[in-house]
PDB file of N, CA and C in Angstrom:
ATOM      1  N   MET A   1       7.132  14.301  -5.188  1.00  0.00           N
ATOM      2  CA  MET A   1       7.006  13.111  -6.005  1.00  0.00           C
ATOM      3  C   MET A   1       6.886  13.575  -7.463  1.00  0.00           C
ATOM      4  N   SER A   2       7.621  12.937  -8.329  1.00  0.00           N
ATOM      5  CA  SER A   2       7.648  13.382  -9.715  1.00  0.00           C
ATOM      6  C   SER A   2       6.426  12.938 -10.522  1.00  0.00           C
ATOM      7  N   ASN A   3       5.745  11.909 -10.089  1.00  0.00           N
ATOM      8  CA  ASN A   3       4.550  11.447 -10.791  1.00  0.00           C
ATOM      9  C   ASN A   3       3.322  11.920 -10.018  1.00  0.00           C
ATOM     10  N   PRO A   4       2.476  12.747 -10.626  1.00  0.00           N
ATOM     11  CA  PRO A   4       1.313  13.252  -9.899  1.00  0.00           C
ATOM     12  C   PRO A   4       0.343  12.151  -9.461  1.00  0.00           C
ATOM     13  N   GLN A   5       0.409  10.996 -10.068  1.00  0.00           N
ATOM     14  CA  GLN A   5      -0.456   9.873  -9.677  1.00  0.00           C
ATOM     15  C   GLN A   5       0.291   8.863  -8.809  1.00  0.00           C
ATOM     16  N   GLY A   6       1.470   9.244  -8.335  1.00  0.00           N
ATOM     17  CA  GLY A   6       2.317   8.329  -7.580  1.00  0.00           C
ATOM     18  C   GLY A   6       1.645   7.711  -6.367  1.00  0.00           C
ATOM     19  N   PHE A   7       0.963   8.537  -5.562  1.00  0.00           N
ATOM     20  CA  PHE A   7       0.306   8.003  -4.369  1.00  0.00           C
ATOM     21  C   PHE A   7      -0.813   7.041  -4.740  1.00  0.00           C
ATOM     22  N   ASP A   8      -1.555   7.365  -5.778  1.00  0.00           N
ATOM     23  CA  ASP A   8      -2.629   6.472  -6.224  1.00  0.00           C
ATOM     24  C   ASP A   8      -2.063   5.131  -6.686  1.00  0.00           C
ATOM     25  N   LEU A   9      -0.968   5.171  -7.421  1.00  0.00           N
ATOM     26  CA  LEU A   9      -0.344   3.933  -7.900  1.00  0.00           C
ATOM     27  C   LEU A   9       0.220   3.128  -6.733  1.00  0.00           C
ATOM     28  N   LEU A  10       0.847   3.810  -5.786  1.00  0.00           N
ATOM     29  CA  LEU A  10       1.386   3.134  -4.612  1.00  0.00           C
ATOM     30  C   LEU A  10       0.273   2.476  -3.810  1.00  0.00           C
ATOM     31  N   HIS A  11      -0.825   3.194  -3.633  1.00  0.00           N
ATOM     32  CA  HIS A  11      -1.961   2.635  -2.890  1.00  0.00           C
ATOM     33  C   HIS A  11      -2.523   1.416  -3.624  1.00  0.00           C
ATOM     34  N   ARG A  12      -2.675   1.519  -4.931  1.00  0.00           N
ATOM     35  CA  ARG A  12      -3.181   0.393  -5.723  1.00  0.00           C
ATOM     36  C   ARG A  12      -2.280  -0.831  -5.560  1.00  0.00           C
ATOM     37  N   ASP A  13      -0.966  -0.605  -5.588  1.00  0.00           N
ATOM     38  CA  ASP A  13      -0.031  -1.713  -5.433  1.00  0.00           C
ATOM     39  C   ASP A  13      -0.129  -2.340  -4.052  1.00  0.00           C
ATOM     40  N   ARG A  14      -0.286  -1.526  -3.020  1.00  0.00           N
ATOM     41  CA  ARG A  14      -0.431  -2.052  -1.645  1.00  0.00           C
ATOM     42  C   ARG A  14      -1.687  -2.912  -1.550  1.00  0.00           C
ATOM     43  N   VAL A  15      -2.761  -2.462  -2.155  1.00  0.00           N
ATOM     44  CA  VAL A  15      -4.010  -3.243  -2.132  1.00  0.00           C
ATOM     45  C   VAL A  15      -3.796  -4.576  -2.843  1.00  0.00           C
ATOM     46  N   ASN A  16      -3.140  -4.552  -3.990  1.00  0.00           N
ATOM     47  CA  ASN A  16      -2.884  -5.795  -4.728  1.00  0.00           C
ATOM     48  C   ASN A  16      -2.005  -6.754  -3.938  1.00  0.00           C
ATOM     49  N   VAL A  17      -0.981  -6.234  -3.287  1.00  0.00           N
ATOM     50  CA  VAL A  17      -0.092  -7.084  -2.475  1.00  0.00           C
ATOM     51  C   VAL A  17      -0.880  -7.698  -1.317  1.00  0.00           C
ATOM     52  N   CYS A  18      -1.683  -6.886  -0.654  1.00  0.00           N
ATOM     53  CA  CYS A  18      -2.466  -7.408   0.470  1.00  0.00           C
ATOM     54  C   CYS A  18      -3.513  -8.414   0.001  1.00  0.00           C
ATOM     55  N   ASP A  19      -4.100  -8.199  -1.152  1.00  0.00           N
ATOM     56  CA  ASP A  19      -5.032  -9.186  -1.697  1.00  0.00           C
ATOM     57  C   ASP A  19      -4.338 -10.527  -1.899  1.00  0.00           C
ATOM     58  N   TRP A  20      -3.112 -10.490  -2.401  1.00  0.00           N
ATOM     59  CA  TRP A  20      -2.361 -11.731  -2.613  1.00  0.00           C
ATOM     60  C   TRP A  20      -2.106 -12.423  -1.281  1.00  0.00           C
ATOM     61  N   PHE A  21      -1.652 -11.664  -0.272  1.00  0.00           N
ATOM     62  CA  PHE A  21      -1.397 -12.258   1.039  1.00  0.00           C
ATOM     63  C   PHE A  21      -2.671 -12.828   1.645  1.00  0.00           C
ATOM     64  N   THR A  22      -3.782 -12.135   1.464  1.00  0.00           N
ATOM     65  CA  THR A  22      -5.057 -12.614   1.996  1.00  0.00           C
ATOM     66  C   THR A  22      -5.451 -13.938   1.338  1.00  0.00           C
ATOM     67  N   ARG A  23      -5.205 -14.059   0.049  1.00  0.00           N
ATOM     68  CA  ARG A  23      -5.506 -15.332  -0.633  1.00  0.00           C
ATOM     69  C   ARG A  23      -4.605 -16.459  -0.128  1.00  0.00           C
ATOM     70  N   GLN A  24      -3.445 -16.101   0.420  1.00  0.00           N
ATOM     71  CA  GLN A  24      -2.536 -17.094   0.990  1.00  0.00           C
ATOM     72  C   GLN A  24      -2.852 -17.354   2.463  1.00  0.00           C
ATOM     73  N   ARG A  25      -3.951 -16.771   2.918  1.00  0.00           N
ATOM     74  CA  ARG A  25      -4.448 -16.921   4.290  1.00  0.00           C
ATOM     75  C   ARG A  25      -3.554 -16.241   5.322  1.00  0.00           C
ATOM     76  N   LEU A  26      -2.981 -15.118   4.932  1.00  0.00           N
ATOM     77  CA  LEU A  26      -2.193 -14.295   5.843  1.00  0.00           C
ATOM     78  C   LEU A  26      -2.894 -12.948   5.976  1.00  0.00           C
ATOM     79  N   GLU A  27      -2.911 -12.422   7.197  1.00  0.00           N
ATOM     80  CA  GLU A  27      -3.577 -11.147   7.417  1.00  0.00           C
ATOM     81  C   GLU A  27      -2.771 -10.012   6.811  1.00  0.00           C
ATOM     82  N   CYS A  28      -3.484  -9.092   6.211  1.00  0.00           N
ATOM     83  CA  CYS A  28      -2.840  -7.920   5.625  1.00  0.00           C
ATOM     84  C   CYS A  28      -3.883  -6.814   5.534  1.00  0.00           C
ATOM     85  N   ASP A  29      -3.534  -5.644   6.047  1.00  0.00           N
ATOM     86  CA  ASP A  29      -4.425  -4.481   5.992  1.00  0.00           C
ATOM     87  C   ASP A  29      -3.782  -3.447   5.076  1.00  0.00           C
ATOM     88  N   ALA A  30      -4.331  -3.292   3.882  1.00  0.00           N
ATOM     89  CA  ALA A  30      -3.743  -2.400   2.886  1.00  0.00           C
ATOM     90  C   ALA A  30      -3.707  -0.961   3.376  1.00  0.00           C
ATOM     91  N   GLU A  31      -4.739  -0.511   4.056  1.00  0.00           N
ATOM     92  CA  GLU A  31      -4.783   0.874   4.526  1.00  0.00           C
ATOM     93  C   GLU A  31      -3.734   1.112   5.605  1.00  0.00           C
ATOM     94  N   GLU A  32      -3.579   0.168   6.507  1.00  0.00           N
ATOM     95  CA  GLU A  32      -2.564   0.295   7.556  1.00  0.00           C
ATOM     96  C   GLU A  32      -1.164   0.283   6.950  1.00  0.00           C
ATOM     97  N   LEU A  33      -0.932  -0.623   6.024  1.00  0.00           N
ATOM     98  CA  LEU A  33       0.362  -0.711   5.363  1.00  0.00           C
ATOM     99  C   LEU A  33       0.675   0.574   4.604  1.00  0.00           C
ATOM    100  N   PHE A  34      -0.297   1.118   3.893  1.00  0.00           N
ATOM    101  CA  PHE A  34      -0.098   2.361   3.150  1.00  0.00           C
ATOM    102  C   PHE A  34       0.219   3.505   4.110  1.00  0.00           C
ATOM    103  N   GLY A  35      -0.514   3.600   5.215  1.00  0.00           N
ATOM    104  CA  GLY A  35      -0.273   4.651   6.200  1.00  0.00           C
ATOM    105  C   GLY A  35       1.108   4.564   6.805  1.00  0.00           C
ATOM    106  N   GLU A  36       1.546   3.362   7.125  1.00  0.00           N
ATOM    107  CA  GLU A  36       2.886   3.181   7.673  1.00  0.00           C
ATOM    108  C   GLU A  36       3.957   3.580   6.657  1.00  0.00           C
ATOM    109  N   LEU A  37       3.753   3.185   5.438  1.00  0.00           N
ATOM    110  CA  LEU A  37       4.723   3.499   4.390  1.00  0.00           C
ATOM    111  C   LEU A  37       4.814   5.003   4.159  1.00  0.00           C
ATOM    112  N   VAL A  38       3.682   5.662   4.061  1.00  0.00           N
ATOM    113  CA  VAL A  38       3.670   7.115   3.849  1.00  0.00           C
ATOM    114  C   VAL A  38       4.264   7.816   5.066  1.00  0.00           C
ATOM    115  N   GLY A  39       3.985   7.304   6.266  1.00  0.00           N
ATOM    116  CA  GLY A  39       4.546   7.883   7.487  1.00  0.00           C
ATOM    117  C   GLY A  39       6.065   7.768   7.521  1.00  0.00           C
ATOM    118  N   GLU A  40       6.591   6.653   7.049  1.00  0.00           N
ATOM    119  CA  GLU A  40       8.045   6.451   7.017  1.00  0.00           C
ATOM    120  C   GLU A  40       8.718   7.436   6.072  1.00  0.00           C
ATOM    121  N   VAL A  41       8.062   7.722   4.962  1.00  0.00           N
ATOM    122  CA  VAL A  41       8.636   8.609   3.955  1.00  0.00           C
ATOM    123  C   VAL A  41       8.521  10.065   4.411  1.00  0.00           C
ATOM    124  N   GLY A  42       7.507  10.350   5.200  1.00  0.00           N
ATOM    125  CA  GLY A  42       7.328  11.706   5.711  1.00  0.00           C
ATOM    126  C   GLY A  42       6.425  12.588   4.885  1.00  0.00           C
ATOM    127  N   PHE A  43       5.526  12.004   4.111  1.00  0.00           N
ATOM    128  CA  PHE A  43       4.595  12.798   3.315  1.00  0.00           C
ATOM    129  C   PHE A  43       3.357  13.093   4.104  1.00  0.00           C
TER     130      PHE A  43
END
């Protein structure tokens, strides 16, 4: 990854997205979503 803070920024964005979904009364687990995303990329 070219940005040394890339994972931190990605995690922050996942949390923000899940917060939005939660306010819309939809279930969202930021940690699970982040883990799945990182697993797909292979890091």
